[in-house]
Amino acid sequence: MGVPIPVWTKLSVCIALLAIGSNRVLSAAVLDQYNYTELVPDVTPCWQMEEFEVLVECAPCSAVQSWRTACRPTGYTEKVICMKSNRVDLKSCHSAVREDSLFWRFEAVMMSLTVFFALVVVKRQCVLDRRASERVWKQIESF
């Protein structure tokens, strides 16, 4: 016979499976109420074809939203409502704070590389000057 499995282990596995199943049903119900175009991949988002108004400003995507196509390019989305169709949709956006941070990080890296390579050039120039000086001294000594 096999090793008996405790009842609490069986119960915890059943609860975990029930939680996963109910989470999928609940998230599908929540997404359905917003009428997002991501649920139908062939549909062009309404904000590309008509005027829209921003309902929620650019914000980072949560862990739940990360699977959506609007979150993939930048990791930030804004909720918009299209004027003609009156549909609510998500639109990818760029965070000004994040862009500013990335810009200054880029500037710091470039400045550091500039200083590093300037020091390398100065050191190399010193080595070449010393070699040239040694050659001149050898030529002078040979006379």
Protein backbone atom coordinates (compact mmCIF):
# COMPACT_ATOMS: atom_id res chain seq x y z
CA MET A 1 0.00 0.00 0.00
CA GLY A 2 1.03 3.61 -0.28
CA VAL A 3 1.68 6.29 2.26
CA PRO A 4 -1.63 7.70 3.53
CA ILE A 5 -2.21 11.36 2.64
CA PRO A 6 -3.45 13.47 5.55
CA VAL A 7 -6.94 14.90 5.25
CA TRP A 8 -5.73 18.50 5.70
CA THR A 9 -3.46 18.13 2.64
CA LYS A 10 -6.36 16.96 0.50
CA LEU A 11 -8.50 19.78 1.84
CA SER A 12 -5.86 22.44 1.12
CA VAL A 13 -5.44 21.19 -2.46
CA CYS A 14 -9.21 21.33 -3.00
CA ILE A 15 -9.39 24.87 -1.58
CA ALA A 16 -6.50 26.00 -3.81
CA LEU A 17 -8.17 24.58 -6.93
CA LEU A 18 -11.47 26.16 -5.94
CA ALA A 19 -9.76 29.55 -5.40
CA ILE A 20 -8.06 29.41 -8.81
CA GLY A 21 -11.31 28.48 -10.56
CA SER A 22 -13.36 31.14 -8.81
CA ASN A 23 -10.70 33.77 -9.50
CA ARG A 24 -10.93 33.11 -13.24
CA VAL A 25 -14.71 33.29 -13.21
CA LEU A 26 -14.67 36.48 -11.13
CA SER A 27 -12.03 38.20 -13.29
CA ALA A 28 -13.93 37.29 -16.47
CA ALA A 29 -17.10 38.78 -14.98
CA VAL A 30 -15.29 41.96 -13.94
CA LEU A 31 -13.67 42.38 -17.38
CA ASP A 32 -16.97 41.77 -19.14
CA GLN A 33 -18.62 44.73 -17.45
CA TYR A 34 -16.04 47.19 -18.86
CA ASN A 35 -16.38 46.14 -22.53
CA TYR A 36 -12.64 46.14 -23.21
CA THR A 37 -11.65 45.56 -26.82
CA GLU A 38 -8.80 43.28 -25.72
CA LEU A 39 -11.29 40.48 -25.21
CA VAL A 40 -11.83 40.45 -28.98
CA PRO A 41 -8.35 40.72 -30.58
CA ASP A 42 -9.57 41.56 -34.11
CA VAL A 43 -11.35 44.75 -33.02
CA THR A 44 -9.46 48.02 -33.46
CA PRO A 45 -9.48 50.08 -30.26
CA CYS A 46 -12.03 52.88 -30.42
CA TRP A 47 -9.49 55.55 -29.43
CA GLN A 48 -7.63 54.95 -32.73
CA MET A 49 -10.71 55.76 -34.82
CA GLU A 50 -12.58 58.45 -32.90
CA GLU A 51 -12.23 61.23 -30.36
CA PHE A 52 -11.75 60.18 -26.75
CA GLU A 53 -11.57 61.64 -23.27
CA VAL A 54 -9.20 60.43 -20.56
CA LEU A 55 -11.06 59.11 -17.52
CA VAL A 56 -8.07 57.92 -15.48
CA GLU A 57 -4.62 59.47 -16.01
CA CYS A 58 -1.54 57.43 -16.86
CA ALA A 59 -0.82 54.92 -14.07
CA PRO A 60 1.31 51.79 -13.72
CA CYS A 61 -0.34 48.49 -14.59
CA SER A 62 -1.17 46.22 -11.69
CA ALA A 63 -0.28 42.54 -11.62
CA VAL A 64 -3.80 41.70 -12.75
CA GLN A 65 -3.61 44.11 -15.71
CA SER A 66 -0.15 43.05 -16.88
CA TRP A 67 -1.52 40.46 -19.35
CA ARG A 68 -3.46 43.08 -21.32
CA THR A 69 -2.09 44.30 -24.62
CA ALA A 70 -2.31 47.94 -23.49
CA CYS A 71 0.13 47.23 -20.63
CA ARG A 72 2.77 45.42 -22.64
CA PRO A 73 4.52 48.28 -24.50
CA THR A 74 5.17 50.63 -21.56
CA GLY A 75 3.76 49.07 -18.40
CA TYR A 76 1.45 52.10 -18.00
CA THR A 77 -2.15 52.61 -19.09
CA GLU A 78 -4.83 55.25 -19.01
CA LYS A 79 -8.54 54.59 -19.13
CA VAL A 80 -10.32 56.46 -21.93
CA ILE A 81 -13.91 56.79 -23.06
CA CYS A 82 -14.64 57.14 -26.76
CA MET A 83 -17.07 59.93 -27.62
CA LYS A 84 -19.09 58.33 -30.45
CA SER A 85 -19.35 54.72 -29.31
CA ASN A 86 -19.32 55.60 -25.58
CA ARG A 87 -16.99 52.63 -24.93
CA VAL A 88 -14.47 52.50 -22.11
CA ASP A 89 -11.06 51.26 -23.19
CA LEU A 90 -7.46 51.10 -22.01
CA LYS A 91 -4.73 52.95 -23.88
CA SER A 92 -1.00 52.53 -23.42
CA CYS A 93 0.78 55.69 -22.26
CA HIS A 94 4.19 56.96 -21.18
CA SER A 95 4.74 58.04 -17.59
CA ALA A 96 6.45 61.43 -17.43
CA VAL A 97 8.10 60.56 -14.11
CA ARG A 98 9.48 57.29 -15.48
CA GLU A 99 10.67 58.94 -18.71
CA ASP A 100 12.39 61.66 -16.67
CA SER A 101 14.07 59.04 -14.48
CA LEU A 102 15.24 57.04 -17.49
CA PHE A 103 16.58 60.18 -19.16
CA TRP A 104 18.68 61.20 -16.15
CA ARG A 105 19.90 57.62 -15.66
CA PHE A 106 20.99 57.62 -19.31
CA GLU A 107 22.74 60.97 -18.84
CA ALA A 108 24.57 59.68 -15.76
CA VAL A 109 25.76 56.57 -17.59
CA MET A 110 26.94 58.62 -20.59
CA MET A 111 28.77 61.11 -18.35
CA SER A 112 30.44 58.25 -16.45
CA LEU A 113 31.53 56.62 -19.71
CA THR A 114 32.86 59.97 -20.95
CA VAL A 115 35.00 60.42 -17.83
CA PHE A 116 36.20 56.80 -17.94
CA PHE A 117 37.26 56.94 -21.58
CA ALA A 118 38.86 60.37 -21.11
CA LEU A 119 41.00 58.85 -18.36
CA VAL A 120 41.85 55.89 -20.63
CA VAL A 121 42.93 58.30 -23.40
CA VAL A 122 45.09 60.35 -20.99
CA LYS A 123 46.73 57.19 -19.62
CA ARG A 124 47.37 55.85 -23.13
CA GLN A 125 48.85 59.18 -24.20
CA CYS A 126 51.22 59.08 -21.21
CA VAL A 127 52.34 55.54 -22.17
CA LEU A 128 52.93 56.57 -25.81
CA ASP A 129 54.83 59.72 -24.75
CA ARG A 130 57.05 57.64 -22.46
CA ARG A 131 57.80 55.15 -25.26
CA ALA A 132 58.65 57.98 -27.66
CA SER A 133 60.88 59.58 -25.03
CA GLU A 134 62.69 56.26 -24.44
CA ARG A 135 63.32 55.88 -28.19
CA VAL A 136 64.74 59.39 -28.39
CA TRP A 137 67.04 58.72 -25.41
CA LYS A 138 68.23 55.46 -27.00
CA GLN A 139 69.03 57.29 -30.26
CA ILE A 140 70.86 60.01 -28.34
CA GLU A 141 72.87 57.43 -26.35
CA SER A 142 73.85 55.56 -29.52
CA PHE A 143 75.78 58.57 -30.86
